[in-house]
Amino acid sequence: MLVPCLLRRAVLTVPLIFLLALLLMEPVRADQEAGTAIPAESRPCVDCHAFEFMQRALQDLKKTAYNLDTRTETLLLQVEKRNLCDCVTANLIN
């Protein structure tokens, strides 16, 4: 009879203790770093590499956009030329 009562108390008490511990703990802020801080001078320039990568990607996108724009212009001119030729031919026949 004593064991079920203790078990029931443990089942209710353990989650309560965890909840209190979570409420009392100080939240970790973004400016807190785990371990020792490595000075910026000794770290590899990750941001520089990312920036260079993004610059190359942007240049590639610009080239692709220019090529697509040029190709679209060419196709539109071909369609206009074809329509013009069709109109001239139709007018000559009539």
N, C-alpha and C. Protein backbone atom coordinates (compact mmCIF):
# COMPACT_ATOMS: atom_id res chain seq x y z
N MET A 1 0.82 -1.19 0.00
CA MET A 1 0.00 0.00 0.00
C MET A 1 0.87 1.26 0.00
N LEU A 2 2.00 1.18 0.61
CA LEU A 2 2.90 2.32 0.70
C LEU A 2 3.60 2.58 -0.65
N VAL A 3 3.91 1.52 -1.39
CA VAL A 3 4.63 1.65 -2.67
C VAL A 3 3.79 2.40 -3.71
N PRO A 4 2.51 2.08 -3.92
CA PRO A 4 1.73 2.85 -4.90
C PRO A 4 1.61 4.33 -4.53
N CYS A 5 1.52 4.62 -3.25
CA CYS A 5 1.42 6.01 -2.83
C CYS A 5 2.71 6.76 -3.13
N LEU A 6 3.86 6.15 -2.86
CA LEU A 6 5.15 6.77 -3.17
C LEU A 6 5.35 6.93 -4.67
N LEU A 7 4.92 5.92 -5.41
CA LEU A 7 5.03 5.96 -6.86
C LEU A 7 4.20 7.11 -7.44
N ARG A 8 2.98 7.25 -6.92
CA ARG A 8 2.10 8.31 -7.39
C ARG A 8 2.72 9.68 -7.08
N ARG A 9 3.30 9.83 -5.89
CA ARG A 9 3.94 11.08 -5.52
C ARG A 9 5.15 11.36 -6.40
N ALA A 10 5.92 10.35 -6.73
CA ALA A 10 7.10 10.52 -7.58
C ALA A 10 6.68 10.94 -8.98
N VAL A 11 5.60 10.33 -9.49
CA VAL A 11 5.12 10.65 -10.83
C VAL A 11 4.66 12.11 -10.89
N LEU A 12 4.11 12.61 -9.83
CA LEU A 12 3.66 14.01 -9.81
C LEU A 12 4.80 14.98 -9.49
N THR A 13 5.75 14.55 -8.68
CA THR A 13 6.79 15.44 -8.21
C THR A 13 7.90 15.65 -9.25
N VAL A 14 8.30 14.61 -9.93
CA VAL A 14 9.42 14.71 -10.89
C VAL A 14 9.12 15.71 -12.01
N PRO A 15 7.96 15.66 -12.67
CA PRO A 15 7.70 16.69 -13.69
C PRO A 15 7.64 18.10 -13.11
N LEU A 16 7.13 18.22 -11.88
CA LEU A 16 7.07 19.52 -11.24
C LEU A 16 8.47 20.08 -10.99
N ILE A 17 9.39 19.23 -10.58
CA ILE A 17 10.78 19.66 -10.36
C ILE A 17 11.41 20.11 -11.68
N PHE A 18 11.19 19.35 -12.75
CA PHE A 18 11.73 19.74 -14.06
C PHE A 18 11.14 21.07 -14.54
N LEU A 19 9.85 21.26 -14.31
CA LEU A 19 9.21 22.50 -14.71
C LEU A 19 9.78 23.68 -13.93
N LEU A 20 9.96 23.53 -12.64
CA LEU A 20 10.56 24.59 -11.83
C LEU A 20 12.00 24.88 -12.26
N ALA A 21 12.75 23.83 -12.57
CA ALA A 21 14.13 24.03 -13.01
C ALA A 21 14.17 24.80 -14.32
N LEU A 22 13.27 24.50 -15.24
CA LEU A 22 13.21 25.22 -16.51
C LEU A 22 12.84 26.69 -16.30
N LEU A 23 11.93 26.93 -15.38
CA LEU A 23 11.52 28.31 -15.13
C LEU A 23 12.60 29.13 -14.43
N LEU A 24 13.40 28.49 -13.60
CA LEU A 24 14.42 29.20 -12.84
C LEU A 24 15.73 29.38 -13.60
N MET A 25 15.93 28.58 -14.63
CA MET A 25 17.18 28.68 -15.39
C MET A 25 17.19 29.97 -16.20
N GLU A 26 18.37 30.56 -16.34
CA GLU A 26 18.52 31.76 -17.13
C GLU A 26 18.62 31.36 -18.61
N PRO A 27 17.83 31.99 -19.47
CA PRO A 27 17.90 31.63 -20.88
C PRO A 27 19.25 32.00 -21.47
N VAL A 28 19.68 31.24 -22.45
CA VAL A 28 20.95 31.49 -23.12
C VAL A 28 20.74 32.59 -24.14
N ARG A 29 21.57 33.60 -24.06
CA ARG A 29 21.48 34.71 -25.01
C ARG A 29 22.36 34.43 -26.22
N ALA A 30 22.08 35.14 -27.29
CA ALA A 30 22.82 34.92 -28.53
C ALA A 30 24.26 35.39 -28.41
N ASP A 31 24.52 36.38 -27.54
CA ASP A 31 25.88 36.88 -27.43
C ASP A 31 26.76 36.00 -26.57
N GLN A 32 26.20 35.01 -25.90
CA GLN A 32 26.99 34.08 -25.10
C GLN A 32 27.51 32.98 -26.01
N GLU A 33 28.80 32.74 -25.97
CA GLU A 33 29.39 31.69 -26.78
C GLU A 33 29.83 30.56 -25.87
N ALA A 34 29.67 29.34 -26.37
CA ALA A 34 30.10 28.19 -25.61
C ALA A 34 31.62 28.06 -25.73
N GLY A 35 32.29 27.77 -24.65
CA GLY A 35 33.74 27.58 -24.68
C GLY A 35 34.47 28.90 -24.74
N THR A 36 35.70 28.84 -25.20
CA THR A 36 36.51 30.05 -25.26
C THR A 36 36.29 30.76 -26.59
N ALA A 37 36.42 32.05 -26.55
CA ALA A 37 36.24 32.85 -27.76
C ALA A 37 37.52 32.86 -28.56
N ILE A 38 37.41 32.64 -29.85
CA ILE A 38 38.56 32.69 -30.75
C ILE A 38 38.60 34.07 -31.37
N PRO A 39 39.72 34.76 -31.27
CA PRO A 39 39.79 36.11 -31.84
C PRO A 39 39.53 36.08 -33.35
N ALA A 40 38.93 37.14 -33.83
CA ALA A 40 38.56 37.21 -35.25
C ALA A 40 39.77 37.13 -36.16
N GLU A 41 40.94 37.59 -35.69
CA GLU A 41 42.13 37.58 -36.54
C GLU A 41 42.60 36.17 -36.85
N SER A 42 42.33 35.22 -35.95
CA SER A 42 42.82 33.86 -36.17
C SER A 42 41.79 32.95 -36.84
N ARG A 43 40.57 33.44 -37.00
CA ARG A 43 39.54 32.63 -37.66
C ARG A 43 39.63 32.79 -39.17
N PRO A 44 39.28 31.75 -39.92
CA PRO A 44 39.25 31.93 -41.38
C PRO A 44 38.13 32.89 -41.75
N CYS A 45 38.33 33.56 -42.82
CA CYS A 45 37.36 34.58 -43.25
C CYS A 45 36.19 33.92 -43.95
N VAL A 46 35.29 33.35 -43.16
CA VAL A 46 34.15 32.65 -43.73
C VAL A 46 33.23 33.62 -44.44
N ASP A 47 33.03 34.78 -43.84
CA ASP A 47 32.15 35.77 -44.46
C ASP A 47 32.71 36.23 -45.80
N CYS A 48 34.03 36.37 -45.89
CA CYS A 48 34.64 36.79 -47.16
C CYS A 48 34.41 35.74 -48.24
N HIS A 49 34.59 34.46 -47.88
CA HIS A 49 34.38 33.39 -48.86
C HIS A 49 32.91 33.34 -49.29
N ALA A 50 32.01 33.50 -48.33
CA ALA A 50 30.59 33.50 -48.66
C ALA A 50 30.25 34.68 -49.56
N PHE A 51 30.85 35.83 -49.28
CA PHE A 51 30.60 37.01 -50.10
C PHE A 51 31.10 36.80 -51.52
N GLU A 52 32.30 36.24 -51.65
CA GLU A 52 32.85 35.97 -52.99
C GLU A 52 31.98 34.98 -53.74
N PHE A 53 31.51 33.95 -53.04
CA PHE A 53 30.64 32.96 -53.67
C PHE A 53 29.35 33.62 -54.15
N MET A 54 28.78 34.48 -53.32
CA MET A 54 27.53 35.14 -53.70
C MET A 54 27.77 36.12 -54.85
N GLN A 55 28.94 36.76 -54.89
CA GLN A 55 29.26 37.65 -56.01
C GLN A 55 29.34 36.86 -57.32
N ARG A 56 30.01 35.69 -57.28
CA ARG A 56 30.11 34.87 -58.49
C ARG A 56 28.72 34.38 -58.91
N ALA A 57 27.91 33.99 -57.95
CA ALA A 57 26.56 33.52 -58.28
C ALA A 57 25.75 34.65 -58.89
N LEU A 58 25.89 35.86 -58.37
CA LEU A 58 25.17 37.01 -58.92
C LEU A 58 25.63 37.32 -60.34
N GLN A 59 26.95 37.23 -60.58
CA GLN A 59 27.47 37.45 -61.93
C GLN A 59 26.92 36.40 -62.90
N ASP A 60 26.87 35.14 -62.45
CA ASP A 60 26.31 34.08 -63.30
C ASP A 60 24.84 34.35 -63.61
N LEU A 61 24.10 34.80 -62.60
CA LEU A 61 22.69 35.11 -62.83
C LEU A 61 22.53 36.27 -63.80
N LYS A 62 23.40 37.27 -63.67
CA LYS A 62 23.33 38.41 -64.60
C LYS A 62 23.61 37.96 -66.03
N LYS A 63 24.63 37.09 -66.19
CA LYS A 63 24.95 36.58 -67.53
C LYS A 63 23.78 35.78 -68.09
N THR A 64 23.19 34.94 -67.26
CA THR A 64 22.05 34.13 -67.70
C THR A 64 20.88 35.03 -68.08
N ALA A 65 20.61 36.04 -67.27
CA ALA A 65 19.51 36.97 -67.57
C ALA A 65 19.79 37.71 -68.88
N TYR A 66 21.03 38.13 -69.07
CA TYR A 66 21.38 38.83 -70.32
C TYR A 66 21.20 37.89 -71.52
N ASN A 67 21.67 36.66 -71.38
CA ASN A 67 21.53 35.70 -72.48
C ASN A 67 20.07 35.42 -72.78
N LEU A 68 19.26 35.28 -71.74
CA LEU A 68 17.83 35.05 -71.97
C LEU A 68 17.17 36.26 -72.61
N ASP A 69 17.57 37.45 -72.18
CA ASP A 69 17.02 38.67 -72.75
C ASP A 69 17.39 38.79 -74.22
N THR A 70 18.65 38.50 -74.52
CA THR A 70 19.11 38.56 -75.91
C THR A 70 18.39 37.53 -76.77
N ARG A 71 18.25 36.34 -76.23
CA ARG A 71 17.56 35.27 -76.98
C ARG A 71 16.10 35.64 -77.21
N THR A 72 15.47 36.24 -76.21
CA THR A 72 14.07 36.66 -76.35
C THR A 72 13.95 37.74 -77.41
N GLU A 73 14.87 38.70 -77.39
CA GLU A 73 14.87 39.75 -78.41
C GLU A 73 14.99 39.14 -79.81
N THR A 74 15.91 38.20 -79.96
CA THR A 74 16.12 37.56 -81.26
C THR A 74 14.87 36.83 -81.72
N LEU A 75 14.25 36.09 -80.80
CA LEU A 75 13.03 35.37 -81.17
C LEU A 75 11.89 36.32 -81.52
N LEU A 76 11.76 37.41 -80.78
CA LEU A 76 10.72 38.38 -81.09
C LEU A 76 10.95 39.03 -82.46
N LEU A 77 12.21 39.35 -82.76
CA LEU A 77 12.51 39.91 -84.08
C LEU A 77 12.21 38.92 -85.19
N GLN A 78 12.51 37.65 -84.95
CA GLN A 78 12.20 36.63 -85.96
C GLN A 78 10.70 36.52 -86.18
N VAL A 79 9.93 36.57 -85.11
CA VAL A 79 8.47 36.49 -85.23
C VAL A 79 7.93 37.72 -85.96
N GLU A 80 8.43 38.89 -85.61
CA GLU A 80 7.98 40.10 -86.29
C GLU A 80 8.34 40.06 -87.77
N LYS A 81 9.54 39.59 -88.07
CA LYS A 81 9.97 39.49 -89.48
C LYS A 81 9.09 38.51 -90.23
N ARG A 82 8.79 37.38 -89.59
CA ARG A 82 7.94 36.37 -90.24
C ARG A 82 6.54 36.93 -90.48
N ASN A 83 6.00 37.65 -89.47
CA ASN A 83 4.66 38.24 -89.64
C ASN A 83 4.67 39.30 -90.72
N LEU A 84 5.74 40.09 -90.77
CA LEU A 84 5.84 41.12 -91.80
C LEU A 84 5.93 40.49 -93.18
N CYS A 85 6.73 39.44 -93.29
CA CYS A 85 6.84 38.75 -94.59
C CYS A 85 5.51 38.14 -95.00
N ASP A 86 4.79 37.59 -94.01
CA ASP A 86 3.48 37.01 -94.33
C ASP A 86 2.50 38.08 -94.79
N CYS A 87 2.57 39.27 -94.17
CA CYS A 87 1.68 40.35 -94.57
C CYS A 87 2.01 40.84 -95.97
N VAL A 88 3.29 41.01 -96.24
CA VAL A 88 3.72 41.47 -97.56
C VAL A 88 3.32 40.45 -98.62
N THR A 89 3.52 39.20 -98.35
CA THR A 89 3.15 38.15 -99.31
C THR A 89 1.65 38.13 -99.52
N ALA A 90 0.89 38.27 -98.47
CA ALA A 90 -0.58 38.28 -98.59
C ALA A 90 -1.05 39.49 -99.37
N ASN A 91 -0.40 40.65 -99.17
CA ASN A 91 -0.79 41.85 -99.92
C ASN A 91 -0.41 41.72 -101.38
N LEU A 92 0.69 41.08 -101.69
CA LEU A 92 1.09 40.90 -103.09
C LEU A 92 0.15 39.96 -103.82
N ILE A 93 -0.34 38.95 -103.10
CA ILE A 93 -1.25 38.00 -103.72
C ILE A 93 -2.59 38.64 -104.01
N ASN A 94 -3.06 39.50 -103.11
CA ASN A 94 -4.36 40.16 -103.29
C ASN A 94 -4.19 41.26 -104.28
